[in-house]
Amino acid sequence: MYDSKLCPENIKAAIDRHVATGCPTGDFVRAVLENNLKEAFMRADNFNAPLLGHIVAYCYNEIPSPCWGSKVMVQDWREKTKTAKEEVTK
């Protein structure tokens, strides 16, 4: 069974920044957020590859579904958060 609590802290931080601000992530985290399994495995290092199930569990259980799941959803989320930040600064 996969446990979102076993997601590495640095990966959680990158995912949480994406959720909060829409900031771009590294290629590995982007592939996870885009639900691109093949790319995520290809980009994972030796530490994160065996933890991939826990990382996906973190996304599934802990972050809003509109901000991940496909390339389009990730891009839309970044645009949405960018627009929200622009509105706040006006």
PDB file of N, CA and C in Angstrom:
ATOM      1  N   MET A   1       0.832  -1.176   0.000  1.00  0.00           N
ATOM      2  CA  MET A   1       0.000   0.000   0.000  1.00  0.00           C
ATOM      3  C   MET A   1       0.884   1.249   0.000  1.00  0.00           C
ATOM      4  N   TYR A   2       0.483   2.213  -0.757  1.00  0.00           N
ATOM      5  CA  TYR A   2       1.261   3.450  -0.834  1.00  0.00           C
ATOM      6  C   TYR A   2       0.766   4.443   0.205  1.00  0.00           C
ATOM      7  N   ASP A   3       1.693   5.208   0.774  1.00  0.00           N
ATOM      8  CA  ASP A   3       1.396   6.122   1.870  1.00  0.00           C
ATOM      9  C   ASP A   3       1.927   7.509   1.531  1.00  0.00           C
ATOM     10  N   SER A   4       1.038   8.484   1.465  1.00  0.00           N
ATOM     11  CA  SER A   4       1.455   9.845   1.119  1.00  0.00           C
ATOM     12  C   SER A   4       2.427  10.417   2.145  1.00  0.00           C
ATOM     13  N   LYS A   5       2.430   9.897   3.359  1.00  0.00           N
ATOM     14  CA  LYS A   5       3.364  10.365   4.388  1.00  0.00           C
ATOM     15  C   LYS A   5       4.801   9.972   4.069  1.00  0.00           C
ATOM     16  N   LEU A   6       4.986   9.013   3.178  1.00  0.00           N
ATOM     17  CA  LEU A   6       6.335   8.571   2.811  1.00  0.00           C
ATOM     18  C   LEU A   6       6.894   9.314   1.595  1.00  0.00           C
ATOM     19  N   CYS A   7       6.153  10.291   1.104  1.00  0.00           N
ATOM     20  CA  CYS A   7       6.654  11.135   0.017  1.00  0.00           C
ATOM     21  C   CYS A   7       7.825  11.959   0.568  1.00  0.00           C
ATOM     22  N   PRO A   8       8.957  12.000  -0.125  1.00  0.00           N
ATOM     23  CA  PRO A   8      10.113  12.762   0.364  1.00  0.00           C
ATOM     24  C   PRO A   8       9.776  14.248   0.547  1.00  0.00           C
ATOM     25  N   GLU A   9      10.350  14.841   1.581  1.00  0.00           N
ATOM     26  CA  GLU A   9      10.051  16.236   1.924  1.00  0.00           C
ATOM     27  C   GLU A   9      10.371  17.211   0.792  1.00  0.00           C
ATOM     28  N   ASN A  10      11.483  16.995   0.085  1.00  0.00           N
ATOM     29  CA  ASN A  10      11.838  17.915  -0.994  1.00  0.00           C
ATOM     30  C   ASN A  10      10.838  17.824  -2.153  1.00  0.00           C
ATOM     31  N   ILE A  11      10.296  16.649  -2.385  1.00  0.00           N
ATOM     32  CA  ILE A  11       9.301  16.483  -3.441  1.00  0.00           C
ATOM     33  C   ILE A  11       7.980  17.113  -3.002  1.00  0.00           C
ATOM     34  N   LYS A  12       7.597  16.892  -1.738  1.00  0.00           N
ATOM     35  CA  LYS A  12       6.401  17.545  -1.196  1.00  0.00           C
ATOM     36  C   LYS A  12       6.510  19.053  -1.348  1.00  0.00           C
ATOM     37  N   ALA A  13       7.667  19.602  -1.015  1.00  0.00           N
ATOM     38  CA  ALA A  13       7.861  21.050  -1.089  1.00  0.00           C
ATOM     39  C   ALA A  13       7.667  21.562  -2.521  1.00  0.00           C
ATOM     40  N   ALA A  14       8.220  20.844  -3.486  1.00  0.00           N
ATOM     41  CA  ALA A  14       8.071  21.252  -4.891  1.00  0.00           C
ATOM     42  C   ALA A  14       6.612  21.168  -5.332  1.00  0.00           C
ATOM     43  N   ILE A  15       5.932  20.099  -4.934  1.00  0.00           N
ATOM     44  CA  ILE A  15       4.521  19.939  -5.284  1.00  0.00           C
ATOM     45  C   ILE A  15       3.694  21.033  -4.615  1.00  0.00           C
ATOM     46  N   ASP A  16       3.961  21.293  -3.347  1.00  0.00           N
ATOM     47  CA  ASP A  16       3.210  22.311  -2.616  1.00  0.00           C
ATOM     48  C   ASP A  16       3.430  23.709  -3.195  1.00  0.00           C
ATOM     49  N   ARG A  17       4.644  24.003  -3.662  1.00  0.00           N
ATOM     50  CA  ARG A  17       4.897  25.293  -4.332  1.00  0.00           C
ATOM     51  C   ARG A  17       4.080  25.393  -5.608  1.00  0.00           C
ATOM     52  N   HIS A  18       4.012  24.297  -6.346  1.00  0.00           N
ATOM     53  CA  HIS A  18       3.189  24.274  -7.562  1.00  0.00           C
ATOM     54  C   HIS A  18       1.738  24.568  -7.213  1.00  0.00           C
ATOM     55  N   VAL A  19       1.231  23.942  -6.165  1.00  0.00           N
ATOM     56  CA  VAL A  19      -0.163  24.145  -5.764  1.00  0.00           C
ATOM     57  C   VAL A  19      -0.397  25.592  -5.340  1.00  0.00           C
ATOM     58  N   ALA A  20       0.491  26.125  -4.525  1.00  0.00           N
ATOM     59  CA  ALA A  20       0.301  27.466  -3.963  1.00  0.00           C
ATOM     60  C   ALA A  20       0.536  28.586  -4.961  1.00  0.00           C
ATOM     61  N   THR A  21       1.539  28.402  -5.826  1.00  0.00           N
ATOM     62  CA  THR A  21       1.939  29.536  -6.670  1.00  0.00           C
ATOM     63  C   THR A  21       1.940  29.229  -8.163  1.00  0.00           C
ATOM     64  N   GLY A  22       1.831  27.954  -8.513  1.00  0.00           N
ATOM     65  CA  GLY A  22       1.898  27.584  -9.925  1.00  0.00           C
ATOM     66  C   GLY A  22       3.293  27.662 -10.493  1.00  0.00           C
ATOM     67  N   CYS A  23       4.299  27.777  -9.618  1.00  0.00           N
ATOM     68  CA  CYS A  23       5.665  27.910 -10.122  1.00  0.00           C
ATOM     69  C   CYS A  23       6.096  26.614 -10.809  1.00  0.00           C
ATOM     70  N   PRO A  24       6.919  26.741 -11.829  1.00  0.00           N
ATOM     71  CA  PRO A  24       7.409  25.550 -12.528  1.00  0.00           C
ATOM     72  C   PRO A  24       8.205  24.648 -11.585  1.00  0.00           C
ATOM     73  N   THR A  25       8.184  23.373 -11.889  1.00  0.00           N
ATOM     74  CA  THR A  25       8.910  22.391 -11.094  1.00  0.00           C
ATOM     75  C   THR A  25      10.015  21.790 -11.953  1.00  0.00           C
ATOM     76  N   GLY A  26      10.780  20.907 -11.364  1.00  0.00           N
ATOM     77  CA  GLY A  26      11.753  20.153 -12.143  1.00  0.00           C
ATOM     78  C   GLY A  26      11.048  19.150 -13.036  1.00  0.00           C
ATOM     79  N   ASP A  27      11.792  18.566 -13.932  1.00  0.00           N
ATOM     80  CA  ASP A  27      11.211  17.644 -14.911  1.00  0.00           C
ATOM     81  C   ASP A  27      10.560  16.419 -14.273  1.00  0.00           C
ATOM     82  N   PHE A  28      11.168  15.883 -13.223  1.00  0.00           N
ATOM     83  CA  PHE A  28      10.597  14.708 -12.567  1.00  0.00           C
ATOM     84  C   PHE A  28       9.237  15.034 -11.952  1.00  0.00           C
ATOM     85  N   VAL A  29       9.167  16.093 -11.157  1.00  0.00           N
ATOM     86  CA  VAL A  29       7.906  16.460 -10.511  1.00  0.00           C
ATOM     87  C   VAL A  29       6.865  16.860 -11.555  1.00  0.00           C
ATOM     88  N   ARG A  30       7.286  17.548 -12.593  1.00  0.00           N
ATOM     89  CA  ARG A  30       6.342  17.905 -13.664  1.00  0.00           C
ATOM     90  C   ARG A  30       5.735  16.660 -14.277  1.00  0.00           C
ATOM     91  N   ALA A  31       6.559  15.649 -14.539  1.00  0.00           N
ATOM     92  CA  ALA A  31       6.047  14.400 -15.113  1.00  0.00           C
ATOM     93  C   ALA A  31       5.055  13.728 -14.166  1.00  0.00           C
ATOM     94  N   VAL A  32       5.338  13.745 -12.871  1.00  0.00           N
ATOM     95  CA  VAL A  32       4.391  13.191 -11.896  1.00  0.00           C
ATOM     96  C   VAL A  32       3.086  13.974 -11.944  1.00  0.00           C
ATOM     97  N   LEU A  33       3.182  15.304 -11.890  1.00  0.00           N
ATOM     98  CA  LEU A  33       1.973  16.137 -11.896  1.00  0.00           C
ATOM     99  C   LEU A  33       1.165  15.951 -13.177  1.00  0.00           C
ATOM    100  N   GLU A  34       1.853  15.724 -14.278  1.00  0.00           N
ATOM    101  CA  GLU A  34       1.172  15.527 -15.564  1.00  0.00           C
ATOM    102  C   GLU A  34       0.662  14.093 -15.725  1.00  0.00           C
ATOM    103  N   ASN A  35       0.902  13.259 -14.714  1.00  0.00           N
ATOM    104  CA  ASN A  35       0.463  11.859 -14.738  1.00  0.00           C
ATOM    105  C   ASN A  35       1.095  11.099 -15.907  1.00  0.00           C
ATOM    106  N   ASN A  36       2.344  11.423 -16.175  1.00  0.00           N
ATOM    107  CA  ASN A  36       3.093  10.796 -17.252  1.00  0.00           C
ATOM    108  C   ASN A  36       4.039   9.763 -16.630  1.00  0.00           C
ATOM    109  N   LEU A  37       3.538   8.555 -16.466  1.00  0.00           N
ATOM    110  CA  LEU A  37       4.269   7.509 -15.760  1.00  0.00           C
ATOM    111  C   LEU A  37       5.622   7.206 -16.399  1.00  0.00           C
ATOM    112  N   LYS A  38       5.628   7.043 -17.697  1.00  0.00           N
ATOM    113  CA  LYS A  38       6.880   6.706 -18.390  1.00  0.00           C
ATOM    114  C   LYS A  38       7.921   7.796 -18.171  1.00  0.00           C
ATOM    115  N   GLU A  39       7.528   9.039 -18.339  1.00  0.00           N
ATOM    116  CA  GLU A  39       8.460  10.157 -18.160  1.00  0.00           C
ATOM    117  C   GLU A  39       8.913  10.269 -16.703  1.00  0.00           C
ATOM    118  N   ALA A  40       8.015  10.057 -15.769  1.00  0.00           N
ATOM    119  CA  ALA A  40       8.376  10.136 -14.354  1.00  0.00           C
ATOM    120  C   ALA A  40       9.435   9.085 -14.015  1.00  0.00           C
ATOM    121  N   PHE A  41       9.241   7.862 -14.479  1.00  0.00           N
ATOM    122  CA  PHE A  41      10.240   6.825 -14.216  1.00  0.00           C
ATOM    123  C   PHE A  41      11.559   7.139 -14.906  1.00  0.00           C
ATOM    124  N   MET A  42      11.509   7.669 -16.109  1.00  0.00           N
ATOM    125  CA  MET A  42      12.742   8.000 -16.827  1.00  0.00           C
ATOM    126  C   MET A  42      13.506   9.132 -16.141  1.00  0.00           C
ATOM    127  N   ARG A  43      12.798  10.045 -15.515  1.00  0.00           N
ATOM    128  CA  ARG A  43      13.423  11.215 -14.885  1.00  0.00           C
ATOM    129  C   ARG A  43      13.782  10.981 -13.418  1.00  0.00           C
ATOM    130  N   ALA A  44      13.229   9.952 -12.800  1.00  0.00           N
ATOM    131  CA  ALA A  44      13.475   9.699 -11.376  1.00  0.00           C
ATOM    132  C   ALA A  44      14.924   9.282 -11.139  1.00  0.00           C
ATOM    133  N   ASP A  45      15.457   9.757 -10.031  1.00  0.00           N
ATOM    134  CA  ASP A  45      16.791   9.302  -9.642  1.00  0.00           C
ATOM    135  C   ASP A  45      16.653   8.012  -8.834  1.00  0.00           C
ATOM    136  N   ASN A  46      17.770   7.466  -8.406  1.00  0.00           N
ATOM    137  CA  ASN A  46      17.756   6.189  -7.682  1.00  0.00           C
ATOM    138  C   ASN A  46      17.025   6.269  -6.349  1.00  0.00           C
ATOM    139  N   PHE A  47      16.949   7.451  -5.765  1.00  0.00           N
ATOM    140  CA  PHE A  47      16.233   7.613  -4.502  1.00  0.00           C
ATOM    141  C   PHE A  47      14.720   7.674  -4.730  1.00  0.00           C
ATOM    142  N   ASN A  48      14.278   8.456  -5.727  1.00  0.00           N
ATOM    143  CA  ASN A  48      12.846   8.692  -5.930  1.00  0.00           C
ATOM    144  C   ASN A  48      12.131   7.595  -6.712  1.00  0.00           C
ATOM    145  N   ALA A  49      12.832   6.870  -7.548  1.00  0.00           N
ATOM    146  CA  ALA A  49      12.170   5.833  -8.355  1.00  0.00           C
ATOM    147  C   ALA A  49      11.390   4.835  -7.497  1.00  0.00           C
ATOM    148  N   PRO A  50      11.976   4.275  -6.431  1.00  0.00           N
ATOM    149  CA  PRO A  50      11.197   3.322  -5.638  1.00  0.00           C
ATOM    150  C   PRO A  50      10.105   3.978  -4.794  1.00  0.00           C
ATOM    151  N   LEU A  51      10.125   5.304  -4.695  1.00  0.00           N
ATOM    152  CA  LEU A  51       9.126   6.030  -3.900  1.00  0.00           C
ATOM    153  C   LEU A  51       8.009   6.615  -4.762  1.00  0.00           C
ATOM    154  N   LEU A  52       8.042   6.338  -6.042  1.00  0.00           N
ATOM    155  CA  LEU A  52       7.083   6.961  -6.954  1.00  0.00           C
ATOM    156  C   LEU A  52       5.636   6.710  -6.542  1.00  0.00           C
ATOM    157  N   GLY A  53       5.310   5.527  -6.094  1.00  0.00           N
ATOM    158  CA  GLY A  53       3.943   5.250  -5.649  1.00  0.00           C
ATOM    159  C   GLY A  53       3.529   6.132  -4.483  1.00  0.00           C
ATOM    160  N   HIS A  54       4.445   6.391  -3.557  1.00  0.00           N
ATOM    161  CA  HIS A  54       4.152   7.257  -2.411  1.00  0.00           C
ATOM    162  C   HIS A  54       4.003   8.709  -2.861  1.00  0.00           C
ATOM    163  N   ILE A  55       4.784   9.110  -3.842  1.00  0.00           N
ATOM    164  CA  ILE A  55       4.701  10.473  -4.371  1.00  0.00           C
ATOM    165  C   ILE A  55       3.347  10.687  -5.057  1.00  0.00           C
ATOM    166  N   VAL A  56       2.926   9.717  -5.846  1.00  0.00           N
ATOM    167  CA  VAL A  56       1.612   9.808  -6.496  1.00  0.00           C
ATOM    168  C   VAL A  56       0.509   9.778  -5.443  1.00  0.00           C
ATOM    169  N   ALA A  57       0.667   8.969  -4.405  1.00  0.00           N
ATOM    170  CA  ALA A  57      -0.317   8.939  -3.315  1.00  0.00           C
ATOM    171  C   ALA A  57      -0.435  10.309  -2.662  1.00  0.00           C
ATOM    172  N   TYR A  58       0.688  11.006  -2.506  1.00  0.00           N
ATOM    173  CA  TYR A  58       0.649  12.364  -1.949  1.00  0.00           C
ATOM    174  C   TYR A  58      -0.195  13.269  -2.844  1.00  0.00           C
ATOM    175  N   CYS A  59       0.031  13.216  -4.138  1.00  0.00           N
ATOM    176  CA  CYS A  59      -0.761  14.041  -5.056  1.00  0.00           C
ATOM    177  C   CYS A  59      -2.241  13.670  -4.968  1.00  0.00           C
ATOM    178  N   TYR A  60      -2.524  12.397  -4.998  1.00  0.00           N
ATOM    179  CA  TYR A  60      -3.902  11.909  -5.007  1.00  0.00           C
ATOM    180  C   TYR A  60      -4.655  12.284  -3.726  1.00  0.00           C
ATOM    181  N   ASN A  61      -3.965  12.189  -2.592  1.00  0.00           N
ATOM    182  CA  ASN A  61      -4.628  12.387  -1.303  1.00  0.00           C
ATOM    183  C   ASN A  61      -4.516  13.794  -0.722  1.00  0.00           C
ATOM    184  N   GLU A  62      -3.511  14.562  -1.161  1.00  0.00           N
ATOM    185  CA  GLU A  62      -3.218  15.796  -0.440  1.00  0.00           C
ATOM    186  C   GLU A  62      -3.351  17.084  -1.241  1.00  0.00           C
ATOM    187  N   ILE A  63      -3.423  17.016  -2.548  1.00  0.00           N
ATOM    188  CA  ILE A  63      -3.502  18.267  -3.311  1.00  0.00           C
ATOM    189  C   ILE A  63      -4.793  18.293  -4.129  1.00  0.00           C
ATOM    190  N   PRO A  64      -5.253  19.496  -4.475  1.00  0.00           N
ATOM    191  CA  PRO A  64      -6.508  19.607  -5.239  1.00  0.00           C
ATOM    192  C   PRO A  64      -6.398  18.936  -6.606  1.00  0.00           C
ATOM    193  N   SER A  65      -7.423  18.210  -6.978  1.00  0.00           N
ATOM    194  CA  SER A  65      -7.386  17.493  -8.259  1.00  0.00           C
ATOM    195  C   SER A  65      -7.274  18.414  -9.477  1.00  0.00           C
ATOM    196  N   PRO A  66      -7.775  19.660  -9.447  1.00  0.00           N
ATOM    197  CA  PRO A  66      -7.631  20.491 -10.650  1.00  0.00           C
ATOM    198  C   PRO A  66      -6.195  20.916 -10.973  1.00  0.00           C
ATOM    199  N   CYS A  67      -5.253  20.703 -10.052  1.00  0.00           N
ATOM    200  CA  CYS A  67      -3.891  21.192 -10.305  1.00  0.00           C
ATOM    201  C   CYS A  67      -2.946  20.113 -10.803  1.00  0.00           C
ATOM    202  N   TRP A  68      -3.466  18.906 -11.042  1.00  0.00           N
ATOM    203  CA  TRP A  68      -2.593  17.840 -11.543  1.00  0.00           C
ATOM    204  C   TRP A  68      -3.433  16.801 -12.261  1.00  0.00           C
ATOM    205  N   GLY A  69      -2.775  15.911 -12.990  1.00  0.00           N
ATOM    206  CA  GLY A  69      -3.478  14.816 -13.651  1.00  0.00           C
ATOM    207  C   GLY A  69      -3.233  14.730 -15.142  1.00  0.00           C
ATOM    208  N   SER A  70      -2.864  15.852 -15.755  1.00  0.00           N
ATOM    209  CA  SER A  70      -2.538  15.860 -17.182  1.00  0.00           C
ATOM    210  C   SER A  70      -1.714  17.108 -17.482  1.00  0.00           C
ATOM    211  N   LYS A  71      -1.097  17.114 -18.632  1.00  0.00           N
ATOM    212  CA  LYS A  71      -0.301  18.276 -19.043  1.00  0.00           C
ATOM    213  C   LYS A  71      -1.181  19.526 -19.108  1.00  0.00           C
ATOM    214  N   VAL A  72      -2.375  19.385 -19.659  1.00  0.00           N
ATOM    215  CA  VAL A  72      -3.293  20.524 -19.787  1.00  0.00           C
ATOM    216  C   VAL A  72      -3.713  21.033 -18.412  1.00  0.00           C
ATOM    217  N   MET A  73      -4.008  20.123 -17.502  1.00  0.00           N
ATOM    218  CA  MET A  73      -4.433  20.546 -16.157  1.00  0.00           C
ATOM    219  C   MET A  73      -3.313  21.297 -15.435  1.00  0.00           C
ATOM    220  N   VAL A  74      -2.084  20.840 -15.574  1.00  0.00           N
ATOM    221  CA  VAL A  74      -0.946  21.515 -14.950  1.00  0.00           C
ATOM    222  C   VAL A  74      -0.762  22.899 -15.568  1.00  0.00           C
ATOM    223  N   GLN A  75      -0.835  22.992 -16.883  1.00  0.00           N
ATOM    224  CA  GLN A  75      -0.706  24.291 -17.549  1.00  0.00           C
ATOM    225  C   GLN A  75      -1.841  25.231 -17.152  1.00  0.00           C
ATOM    226  N   ASP A  76      -3.062  24.729 -17.101  1.00  0.00           N
ATOM    227  CA  ASP A  76      -4.207  25.552 -16.695  1.00  0.00           C
ATOM    228  C   ASP A  76      -4.046  26.050 -15.261  1.00  0.00           C
ATOM    229  N   TRP A  77      -3.545  25.175 -14.379  1.00  0.00           N
ATOM    230  CA  TRP A  77      -3.337  25.573 -12.988  1.00  0.00           C
ATOM    231  C   TRP A  77      -2.309  26.698 -12.898  1.00  0.00           C
ATOM    232  N   ARG A  78      -1.246  26.572 -13.657  1.00  0.00           N
ATOM    233  CA  ARG A  78      -0.210  27.622 -13.642  1.00  0.00           C
ATOM    234  C   ARG A  78      -0.779  28.945 -14.136  1.00  0.00           C
ATOM    235  N   GLU A  79      -1.590  28.892 -15.175  1.00  0.00           N
ATOM    236  CA  GLU A  79      -2.222  30.116 -15.678  1.00  0.00           C
ATOM    237  C   GLU A  79      -3.188  30.691 -14.647  1.00  0.00           C
ATOM    238  N   LYS A  80      -3.957  29.836 -14.014  1.00  0.00           N
ATOM    239  CA  LYS A  80      -4.928  30.275 -13.010  1.00  0.00           C
ATOM    240  C   LYS A  80      -4.225  30.946 -11.833  1.00  0.00           C
ATOM    241  N   THR A  81      -3.160  30.348 -11.333  1.00  0.00           N
ATOM    242  CA  THR A  81      -2.458  30.934 -10.195  1.00  0.00           C
ATOM    243  C   THR A  81      -1.722  32.202 -10.607  1.00  0.00           C
ATOM    244  N   LYS A  82      -1.227  32.226 -11.832  1.00  0.00           N
ATOM    245  CA  LYS A  82      -0.573  33.443 -12.344  1.00  0.00           C
ATOM    246  C   LYS A  82      -1.583  34.592 -12.396  1.00  0.00           C
ATOM    247  N   THR A  83      -2.765  34.311 -12.912  1.00  0.00           N
ATOM    248  CA  THR A  83      -3.809  35.326 -13.006  1.00  0.00           C
ATOM    249  C   THR A  83      -4.225  35.789 -11.614  1.00  0.00           C
ATOM    250  N   ALA A  84      -4.360  34.864 -10.680  1.00  0.00           N
ATOM    251  CA  ALA A  84      -4.739  35.210  -9.312  1.00  0.00           C
ATOM    252  C   ALA A  84      -3.681  36.101  -8.661  1.00  0.00           C
ATOM    253  N   LYS A  85      -2.401  35.809  -8.898  1.00  0.00           N
ATOM    254  CA  LYS A  85      -1.327  36.653  -8.340  1.00  0.00           C
ATOM    255  C   LYS A  85      -1.373  38.037  -8.952  1.00  0.00           C
ATOM    256  N   GLU A  86      -1.651  38.127 -10.243  1.00  0.00           N
ATOM    257  CA  GLU A  86      -1.726  39.429 -10.906  1.00  0.00           C
ATOM    258  C   GLU A  86      -2.882  40.259 -10.354  1.00  0.00           C
ATOM    259  N   GLU A  87      -3.996  39.608 -10.047  1.00  0.00           N
ATOM    260  CA  GLU A  87      -5.153  40.297  -9.490  1.00  0.00           C
ATOM    261  C   GLU A  87      -4.831  40.852  -8.096  1.00  0.00           C
ATOM    262  N   VAL A  88      -4.090  40.106  -7.314  1.00  0.00           N
ATOM    263  CA  VAL A  88      -3.731  40.535  -5.959  1.00  0.00           C
ATOM    264  C   VAL A  88      -2.816  41.749  -6.013  1.00  0.00           C
ATOM    265  N   THR A  89      -1.919  41.805  -6.977  1.00  0.00           N
ATOM    266  CA  THR A  89      -0.952  42.897  -7.046  1.00  0.00           C
ATOM    267  C   THR A  89      -1.523  44.172  -7.659  1.00  0.00           C
ATOM    268  N   LYS A  90      -2.719  44.112  -8.195  1.00  0.00           N
ATOM    269  CA  LYS A  90      -3.330  45.319  -8.788  1.00  0.00           C
ATOM    270  C   LYS A  90      -3.857  46.248  -7.726  1.00  0.00           C
TER     271      LYS A  90
END
